[in-house]
Amino acid sequence: MSQIALPLDWPAGDTEQDYLVSAANQPLIRHFEHWSLWPVMATILTGPRKSGRSLLGRIFAAKSGGELIDNAEAANEEAIFHAWNRAQERRRPLILIVDAPPPTWRVKLPDLRSRLSATPVVRIEEPDDVLAAQLIEKLCHARGLAAPPELIRYLVPRIERSYLGVHRAIDALDELAYAQRQRLTVPLARRALTALGVIDESQMGA
């Protein structure tokens, strides 16, 4: 399956260093691509687990010469405060990865809280059809499994439309394929999704 070229010469291909791009996350990518135009040299990045947010943060920090603080909610607030100031002085971006931005992220240090209130927040959205298909292919490849096109076409409309849902479906499919010593097929996928409770027995012939 074809992939959209990443900006900034970011790694492309089907390895673990890959970050998949579709219309679902192109606005996010454009935000990072134009970091030199940011009025505030920092961004709070949030999004669902398994969405590749840490990978995106690492790639962007490496390409921009910026600084990354992952799981920022658990980080020392004074350290974040100094990193934020340092980013403005150096004009190199700071990326803070969190599960949810303020006010859900409760920041106690007043000076940091005021700075974060001026910091843009961007979110990785759940995958669209194109991104879900790419992710299925990538996860299968990482496990050494060949995912035929008909299998991907079968899975995309049936699995939960979330990063975690895609991961769970492929984990179940991988386990079943290993247990039964079978290659990936649509009938095998039906059994895996039925075992997960994603589809019911009445759909086994669908």
Protein backbone atom coordinates (compact mmCIF):
# COMPACT_ATOMS: atom_id res chain seq x y z
CA MET A 1 0.00 0.00 0.00
CA SER A 2 1.31 3.46 -0.84
CA GLN A 3 2.14 5.97 1.85
CA ILE A 4 2.18 9.76 1.82
CA ALA A 5 5.73 11.13 1.88
CA LEU A 6 6.71 12.57 5.24
CA PRO A 7 8.01 16.15 5.52
CA LEU A 8 11.48 17.06 6.76
CA ASP A 9 12.87 13.92 5.15
CA TRP A 10 11.45 11.87 8.02
CA PRO A 11 12.04 8.11 7.85
CA ALA A 12 9.66 6.31 5.52
CA GLY A 13 9.08 2.66 4.77
CA ASP A 14 7.65 -0.22 6.71
CA THR A 15 10.08 -0.49 9.64
CA GLU A 16 9.55 0.28 13.30
CA GLN A 17 10.97 3.77 12.66
CA ASP A 18 8.05 4.48 10.37
CA TYR A 19 5.40 7.08 11.15
CA LEU A 20 2.26 6.56 9.07
CA VAL A 21 0.47 9.54 7.56
CA SER A 22 -3.02 9.98 6.14
CA ALA A 23 -5.62 12.73 5.98
CA ALA A 24 -6.38 11.94 9.64
CA ASN A 25 -3.08 13.35 10.88
CA GLN A 26 -1.86 15.61 8.06
CA PRO A 27 -2.85 18.83 9.93
CA LEU A 28 -0.73 17.62 12.86
CA ILE A 29 2.21 16.94 10.57
CA ARG A 30 1.87 20.39 8.97
CA HIS A 31 1.98 21.95 12.43
CA PHE A 32 5.32 20.30 13.17
CA GLU A 33 6.66 20.88 9.68
CA HIS A 34 6.31 24.65 10.16
CA TRP A 35 7.77 24.81 13.66
CA SER A 36 10.05 27.74 12.77
CA LEU A 37 6.93 29.92 12.45
CA TRP A 38 5.58 29.09 15.90
CA PRO A 39 5.08 32.26 17.99
CA VAL A 40 5.63 30.13 21.10
CA MET A 41 8.49 27.68 20.69
CA ALA A 42 6.66 24.81 22.35
CA THR A 43 3.77 22.44 21.71
CA ILE A 44 1.75 20.12 23.90
CA LEU A 45 1.15 16.86 22.01
CA THR A 46 -1.66 14.58 23.11
CA GLY A 47 -3.57 11.68 21.67
CA PRO A 48 -4.56 8.08 22.31
CA ARG A 49 -2.16 5.44 23.47
CA LYS A 50 -0.56 3.37 20.70
CA SER A 51 -0.96 6.32 18.30
CA GLY A 52 2.77 6.77 17.74
CA ARG A 53 2.90 10.06 19.64
CA SER A 54 6.23 9.22 21.31
CA LEU A 55 7.73 8.17 17.98
CA LEU A 56 6.52 11.37 16.35
CA GLY A 57 7.95 13.40 19.21
CA ARG A 58 11.34 11.69 18.96
CA ILE A 59 11.53 12.13 15.20
CA PHE A 60 10.56 15.78 15.40
CA ALA A 61 12.95 16.58 18.26
CA ALA A 62 15.81 14.94 16.37
CA LYS A 63 15.05 16.77 13.12
CA SER A 64 14.47 20.18 14.69
CA GLY A 65 17.18 20.10 17.33
CA GLY A 66 14.48 20.55 19.93
CA GLU A 67 13.74 18.91 23.25
CA LEU A 68 11.17 16.24 24.09
CA ILE A 69 9.57 15.52 27.45
CA ASP A 70 7.41 12.41 27.23
CA ASN A 71 4.82 11.61 29.91
CA ALA A 72 5.16 15.23 31.00
CA GLU A 73 2.46 14.90 33.67
CA ALA A 74 4.91 12.80 35.68
CA ALA A 75 7.94 15.04 35.04
CA ASN A 76 9.37 17.56 37.48
CA GLU A 77 7.51 20.83 36.99
CA GLU A 78 10.59 22.99 37.57
CA ALA A 79 12.46 20.98 34.92
CA ILE A 80 9.60 21.60 32.46
CA PHE A 81 9.57 25.29 33.38
CA HIS A 82 13.29 25.64 32.63
CA ALA A 83 12.95 23.60 29.42
CA TRP A 84 10.12 25.90 28.27
CA ASN A 85 12.23 29.01 28.91
CA ARG A 86 15.25 27.41 27.27
CA ALA A 87 13.23 26.66 24.14
CA GLN A 88 12.24 30.33 23.80
CA GLU A 89 15.82 31.50 24.30
CA ARG A 90 17.32 29.01 21.85
CA ARG A 91 14.40 29.22 19.39
CA ARG A 92 14.34 25.44 19.31
CA PRO A 93 11.04 23.70 20.01
CA LEU A 94 9.97 21.89 23.15
CA ILE A 95 7.48 19.03 22.77
CA LEU A 96 5.51 17.96 25.82
CA ILE A 97 3.65 14.65 25.41
CA VAL A 98 0.70 14.16 27.76
CA ASP A 99 -2.46 12.09 28.02
CA ALA A 100 -4.51 15.28 28.37
CA PRO A 101 -3.53 18.96 28.45
CA PRO A 102 -4.38 21.45 31.21
CA PRO A 103 -6.71 21.82 33.02
CA THR A 104 -6.99 18.01 33.12
CA TRP A 105 -3.22 18.00 33.58
CA ARG A 106 -3.10 19.74 36.95
CA VAL A 107 -0.01 21.93 37.09
CA LYS A 108 0.88 23.25 40.55
CA LEU A 109 3.71 25.64 39.69
CA PRO A 110 2.06 29.01 38.84
CA ASP A 111 4.83 30.20 36.50
CA LEU A 112 4.67 26.97 34.53
CA ARG A 113 0.89 27.01 34.46
CA SER A 114 0.88 30.49 32.90
CA ARG A 115 3.39 29.41 30.25
CA LEU A 116 1.45 26.28 29.37
CA SER A 117 -1.71 28.33 28.97
CA ALA A 118 0.06 30.13 26.10
CA THR A 119 1.34 26.90 24.56
CA PRO A 120 -0.51 25.37 21.55
CA VAL A 121 -2.08 21.95 21.99
CA VAL A 122 -2.23 19.48 19.11
CA ARG A 123 -3.88 16.07 19.17
CA ILE A 124 -3.36 12.87 17.23
CA GLU A 125 -6.83 11.80 16.11
CA GLU A 126 -8.00 8.22 15.83
CA PRO A 127 -7.13 6.59 12.47
CA ASP A 128 -9.27 6.91 9.38
CA ASP A 129 -9.73 4.02 6.94
CA VAL A 130 -6.48 4.72 5.10
CA LEU A 131 -4.42 4.95 8.27
CA ALA A 132 -6.07 1.89 9.81
CA ALA A 133 -5.21 -0.13 6.70
CA GLN A 134 -1.60 1.08 6.79
CA LEU A 135 -1.34 0.28 10.48
CA ILE A 136 -2.69 -3.24 9.97
CA GLU A 137 -0.11 -3.83 7.26
CA LYS A 138 2.70 -2.39 9.41
CA LEU A 139 1.82 -4.41 12.51
CA CYS A 140 1.56 -7.62 10.51
CA HIS A 141 4.90 -6.93 8.85
CA ALA A 142 6.53 -6.31 12.25
CA ARG A 143 5.39 -9.80 13.29
CA GLY A 144 6.66 -11.40 10.10
CA LEU A 145 3.12 -11.98 8.84
CA ALA A 146 1.99 -11.47 5.27
CA ALA A 147 -1.26 -9.50 5.19
CA PRO A 148 -2.99 -10.05 1.84
CA PRO A 149 -5.10 -7.15 0.51
CA GLU A 150 -8.35 -9.04 0.96
CA LEU A 151 -7.56 -9.51 4.66
CA ILE A 152 -6.97 -5.78 5.16
CA ARG A 153 -10.18 -4.96 3.27
CA TYR A 154 -12.05 -7.36 5.54
CA LEU A 155 -10.59 -6.01 8.80
CA VAL A 156 -10.84 -2.26 8.24
CA PRO A 157 -14.64 -1.87 8.44
CA ARG A 158 -15.01 -4.42 11.26
CA ILE A 159 -12.40 -3.58 13.88
CA GLU A 160 -12.74 -0.84 16.48
CA ARG A 161 -11.68 2.45 14.88
CA SER A 162 -8.94 3.27 17.34
CA TYR A 163 -5.21 2.67 17.58
CA LEU A 164 -5.71 0.40 20.56
CA GLY A 165 -8.48 -1.48 18.74
CA VAL A 166 -6.23 -2.13 15.74
CA HIS A 167 -3.42 -3.38 17.99
CA ARG A 168 -5.79 -5.69 19.86
CA ALA A 169 -7.19 -7.13 16.64
CA ILE A 170 -3.74 -7.86 15.19
CA ASP A 171 -2.53 -9.33 18.49
CA ALA A 172 -5.53 -11.70 18.48
CA LEU A 173 -5.00 -12.59 14.84
CA ASP A 174 -1.29 -13.23 15.43
CA GLU A 175 -2.00 -15.48 18.41
CA LEU A 176 -4.59 -17.49 16.51
CA ALA A 177 -2.39 -17.86 13.43
CA TYR A 178 0.48 -19.09 15.63
CA ALA A 179 -1.72 -21.50 17.60
CA GLN A 180 -3.21 -23.02 14.45
CA ARG A 181 -0.05 -22.77 12.36
CA GLN A 182 -1.94 -20.97 9.61
CA ARG A 183 -1.20 -18.04 7.37
CA LEU A 184 -3.41 -14.97 7.61
CA THR A 185 -6.71 -15.42 5.81
CA VAL A 186 -10.17 -13.90 6.00
CA PRO A 187 -11.67 -17.02 7.67
CA LEU A 188 -8.93 -16.87 10.30
CA ALA A 189 -9.68 -13.19 10.84
CA ARG A 190 -13.38 -13.99 11.32
CA ARG A 191 -12.50 -16.43 14.08
CA ALA A 192 -10.12 -13.99 15.73
CA LEU A 193 -12.66 -11.15 15.73
CA THR A 194 -15.38 -13.47 17.01
CA ALA A 195 -13.14 -14.53 19.89
CA LEU A 196 -12.55 -10.86 20.69
CA GLY A 197 -16.27 -10.19 20.67
CA VAL A 198 -15.91 -7.72 17.81
CA ILE A 199 -18.33 -9.70 15.64
CA ASP A 200 -20.84 -12.36 16.65
CA GLU A 201 -21.47 -15.86 15.40
CA SER A 202 -24.19 -14.68 13.00
CA GLN A 203 -21.51 -12.84 11.00
CA MET A 204 -19.24 -15.84 10.60
CA GLY A 205 -20.46 -16.35 7.05
CA ALA A 206 -20.18 -12.65 6.13
